[in-house]
N, C-alpha and C. Protein backbone atom coordinates (compact mmCIF):
# COMPACT_ATOMS: atom_id res chain seq x y z
N MET A 1 135.93 90.77 45.25
CA MET A 1 136.86 89.80 46.04
C MET A 1 136.47 89.62 47.24
N SER A 2 136.80 88.47 47.94
CA SER A 2 136.31 87.97 49.56
C SER A 2 137.42 88.77 50.42
N LYS A 3 137.31 88.72 51.72
CA LYS A 3 138.26 89.10 52.42
C LYS A 3 139.28 87.88 52.53
N VAL A 4 138.95 86.48 52.11
CA VAL A 4 140.01 85.85 52.39
C VAL A 4 141.05 86.24 51.15
N GLU A 5 140.42 86.45 49.90
CA GLU A 5 141.19 86.47 48.66
C GLU A 5 142.11 87.42 48.94
N ASP A 6 141.69 88.84 49.59
CA ASP A 6 142.33 90.00 49.79
C ASP A 6 143.74 89.62 50.78
N MET A 7 143.56 88.98 51.53
CA MET A 7 144.77 88.64 52.47
C MET A 7 145.86 87.66 52.41
N ALA A 8 146.63 87.85 52.91
CA ALA A 8 147.82 86.58 52.84
C ALA A 8 147.36 85.29 53.29
N THR A 9 147.77 84.00 52.40
CA THR A 9 147.19 82.93 52.83
C THR A 9 148.59 82.20 53.60
N GLN A 10 148.50 81.12 54.04
CA GLN A 10 149.26 80.01 54.60
C GLN A 10 148.70 78.79 54.16
N SER A 11 149.72 77.69 54.14
CA SER A 11 149.27 76.31 53.53
C SER A 11 149.29 75.64 55.07
N ILE A 12 148.07 74.82 55.60
CA ILE A 12 147.98 73.79 56.39
C ILE A 12 147.72 72.61 56.06
N THR A 13 148.07 71.39 56.81
CA THR A 13 147.60 70.26 56.46
C THR A 13 146.48 69.59 57.23
N ILE A 14 145.37 68.83 56.99
CA ILE A 14 144.47 68.64 57.90
C ILE A 14 144.18 67.06 57.59
N ARG A 15 143.55 66.17 58.30
CA ARG A 15 143.46 65.13 57.57
C ARG A 15 141.69 64.96 57.58
N VAL A 16 141.42 64.60 56.49
CA VAL A 16 139.99 64.14 56.01
C VAL A 16 140.05 62.92 55.71
N SER A 17 138.44 62.40 55.32
CA SER A 17 138.08 61.27 55.02
C SER A 17 138.73 60.69 53.62
N PRO A 18 138.93 59.66 53.40
CA PRO A 18 139.37 59.05 52.05
C PRO A 18 138.73 59.55 50.84
N GLU A 19 137.18 59.86 51.18
CA GLU A 19 136.57 60.53 49.86
C GLU A 19 137.11 62.22 49.78
N ALA A 20 136.96 62.63 50.62
CA ALA A 20 137.41 64.35 50.67
C ALA A 20 138.80 64.57 50.39
N ALA A 21 139.75 63.24 50.45
CA ALA A 21 140.99 63.40 49.92
C ALA A 21 141.28 63.29 48.17
N GLN A 22 140.07 62.44 48.17
CA GLN A 22 140.24 61.73 46.81
C GLN A 22 139.76 62.86 45.81
N ILE A 23 138.67 63.96 46.23
CA ILE A 23 138.21 64.90 45.84
C ILE A 23 139.52 65.95 45.73
N SER A 24 139.76 66.39 46.67
CA SER A 24 140.90 67.11 46.70
C SER A 24 142.08 67.06 45.93
N ASN A 25 142.24 65.62 45.77
CA ASN A 25 143.72 65.49 44.90
C ASN A 25 143.32 65.32 43.59
N THR A 26 142.04 65.20 42.89
CA THR A 26 141.41 65.30 41.63
C THR A 26 141.12 66.39 41.24
N THR A 27 141.03 67.46 41.71
CA THR A 27 140.78 68.89 41.44
C THR A 27 141.71 69.62 40.65
N THR A 28 141.32 70.40 39.78
CA THR A 28 142.28 71.29 39.08
C THR A 28 142.56 72.41 39.94
N ALA A 29 143.87 73.22 39.69
CA ALA A 29 144.28 74.29 40.50
C ALA A 29 143.17 75.31 40.48
N ALA A 30 142.39 75.39 39.52
CA ALA A 30 141.40 76.15 39.38
C ALA A 30 140.32 75.78 40.45
N GLN A 31 139.73 74.80 40.40
CA GLN A 31 138.92 74.22 41.35
C GLN A 31 139.63 74.40 43.09
N GLN A 32 140.35 74.30 43.00
CA GLN A 32 141.37 74.04 44.48
C GLN A 32 141.09 75.66 44.74
N ARG A 33 141.47 76.69 43.79
CA ARG A 33 141.34 78.27 44.21
C ARG A 33 139.89 78.21 44.76
N LYS A 34 138.79 78.03 44.09
CA LYS A 34 137.38 78.01 44.53
C LYS A 34 137.13 77.32 45.75
N LEU A 35 137.86 76.23 46.25
CA LEU A 35 137.54 75.86 47.66
C LEU A 35 138.20 76.43 48.82
N GLU A 36 139.35 77.15 48.24
CA GLU A 36 140.29 77.60 49.48
C GLU A 36 139.35 78.59 50.35
N PRO A 37 138.78 79.41 49.81
CA PRO A 37 138.36 80.63 50.47
C PRO A 37 137.08 80.09 51.26
N LEU A 38 136.59 79.28 50.58
CA LEU A 38 135.27 78.20 51.44
C LEU A 38 135.67 77.67 52.59
N LEU A 39 136.44 76.62 52.41
CA LEU A 39 137.39 76.33 53.76
C LEU A 39 137.98 76.87 54.79
N SER A 40 138.57 78.11 54.51
CA SER A 40 139.09 79.22 55.19
C SER A 40 138.02 79.77 55.87
N LEU A 41 136.76 80.11 55.46
CA LEU A 41 135.90 80.61 56.13
C LEU A 41 135.11 79.81 57.06
N GLN A 42 135.16 78.58 56.78
CA GLN A 42 134.09 77.46 57.68
C GLN A 42 135.10 77.24 59.13
N LEU A 43 136.40 77.23 58.57
CA LEU A 43 137.37 77.14 59.68
C LEU A 43 137.52 78.02 61.01
N THR A 44 137.46 79.40 60.03
CA THR A 44 137.22 80.67 61.23
C THR A 44 136.18 80.75 61.56
N ALA A 45 134.99 80.18 61.23
CA ALA A 45 133.51 80.19 61.64
C ALA A 45 133.70 79.34 62.90
N VAL A 46 133.98 78.15 62.71
CA VAL A 46 134.18 77.32 64.03
C VAL A 46 135.02 77.43 65.04
N ALA A 47 135.93 78.10 64.60
CA ALA A 47 137.17 78.66 65.82
C ALA A 47 136.61 79.72 66.47
N ARG A 48 135.55 80.67 66.09
CA ARG A 48 135.24 81.67 66.51
C ARG A 48 133.91 81.35 67.56
N THR A 49 133.26 80.23 67.42
CA THR A 49 131.74 80.07 68.12
C THR A 49 132.31 79.37 69.47
N THR A 50 131.03 79.28 70.18
CA THR A 50 131.48 78.23 71.94
C THR A 50 130.83 77.20 71.45
N ARG A 51 130.00 76.92 70.30
CA ARG A 51 129.09 75.84 70.13
C ARG A 51 130.22 74.40 69.60
N PRO A 52 129.94 73.17 70.04
CA PRO A 52 131.02 72.23 69.76
C PRO A 52 131.14 71.96 68.66
N LEU A 53 132.23 71.62 68.28
CA LEU A 53 132.16 71.31 66.50
C LEU A 53 131.25 70.33 66.18
N GLU A 54 131.33 69.33 67.08
CA GLU A 54 130.01 68.03 66.39
C GLU A 54 128.99 68.95 66.15
N ASP A 55 128.20 70.02 66.72
CA ASP A 55 127.11 70.61 66.44
C ASP A 55 127.11 71.27 65.44
N ILE A 56 128.22 72.10 65.14
CA ILE A 56 128.13 72.72 64.01
C ILE A 56 128.44 72.22 62.75
N MET A 57 129.27 70.71 62.60
CA MET A 57 129.12 70.07 61.56
C MET A 57 127.70 69.51 61.10
N SER A 58 127.32 68.72 62.02
CA SER A 58 125.86 68.18 62.18
C SER A 58 124.89 69.02 61.42
N GLY A 59 125.04 70.91 62.20
CA GLY A 59 124.11 71.69 61.54
C GLY A 59 124.28 71.95 59.91
N ILE A 60 125.39 72.05 59.55
CA ILE A 60 125.90 72.51 58.06
C ILE A 60 125.62 71.00 57.22
N SER A 61 125.50 69.78 58.02
CA SER A 61 125.07 68.71 57.17
C SER A 61 123.77 68.74 56.81
N ARG A 62 122.87 68.49 58.01
CA ARG A 62 121.38 68.97 57.81
C ARG A 62 121.08 70.16 56.99
N LYS A 63 121.66 71.14 57.11
CA LYS A 63 121.25 72.10 56.11
C LYS A 63 121.47 71.82 54.59
N ALA A 64 122.86 71.42 54.33
CA ALA A 64 123.32 71.00 53.39
C ALA A 64 121.97 69.86 52.54
N GLN A 65 121.66 68.81 53.20
CA GLN A 65 120.86 67.54 52.68
C GLN A 65 119.24 68.29 52.81
N ALA A 66 119.02 69.29 53.63
CA ALA A 66 117.57 69.80 53.49
C ALA A 66 117.70 70.58 51.69
N ARG A 67 118.42 70.85 51.51
CA ARG A 67 118.66 71.87 50.43
C ARG A 67 119.23 70.72 49.15
N GLY A 68 119.14 69.63 49.64
CA GLY A 68 118.96 68.54 48.31
C GLY A 68 120.55 68.32 48.03
N LEU A 69 121.49 68.97 48.71
CA LEU A 69 122.96 68.63 48.14
C LEU A 69 123.71 67.29 48.65
N THR A 70 123.97 66.51 47.62
CA THR A 70 124.44 65.39 47.78
C THR A 70 126.17 65.29 47.60
N PRO A 71 126.66 64.45 48.21
CA PRO A 71 127.92 64.23 47.62
C PRO A 71 128.38 64.01 45.85
N GLU A 72 127.13 63.61 45.18
CA GLU A 72 127.34 63.29 43.98
C GLU A 72 127.23 65.03 43.18
N ILE A 73 126.41 65.57 43.88
CA ILE A 73 126.58 67.23 43.44
C ILE A 73 127.51 67.77 43.80
N ILE A 74 128.00 67.55 44.66
CA ILE A 74 129.45 68.41 44.90
C ILE A 74 130.67 67.83 44.33
N ASP A 75 130.38 66.45 43.83
CA ASP A 75 131.50 66.41 42.65
C ASP A 75 131.45 66.88 41.59
N ALA A 76 130.10 66.81 41.07
CA ALA A 76 129.79 67.11 39.66
C ALA A 76 130.07 68.68 39.66
N ARG A 77 130.09 69.74 40.81
CA ARG A 77 130.15 71.17 40.81
C ARG A 77 131.83 71.45 40.77
N LEU A 78 132.47 70.53 41.37
CA LEU A 78 134.05 70.41 41.49
C LEU A 78 134.48 70.38 39.89
N HIS A 79 133.57 69.35 39.64
CA HIS A 79 134.45 68.86 37.87
C HIS A 79 133.90 69.92 36.77
N THR A 80 133.26 70.68 37.26
CA THR A 80 133.05 71.65 35.95
C THR A 80 133.88 72.86 35.54
């Protein structure tokens, strides 16, 4: 179990793209539980760095694309 799963959690509201909102709104409760630790870790990592958020996001995107990760693959994995 990860550190995120071990500790108490709180709900937050964030603004996302329409595509991200649709993905979130159409996932099952089990899929949501898979996403929550990932999102929590990413938010924490961003908050702890001194690099601009845009640089971090661009780096994450470049790495994902270099590894062949596409929106279609993300969608397929969330709906399995």
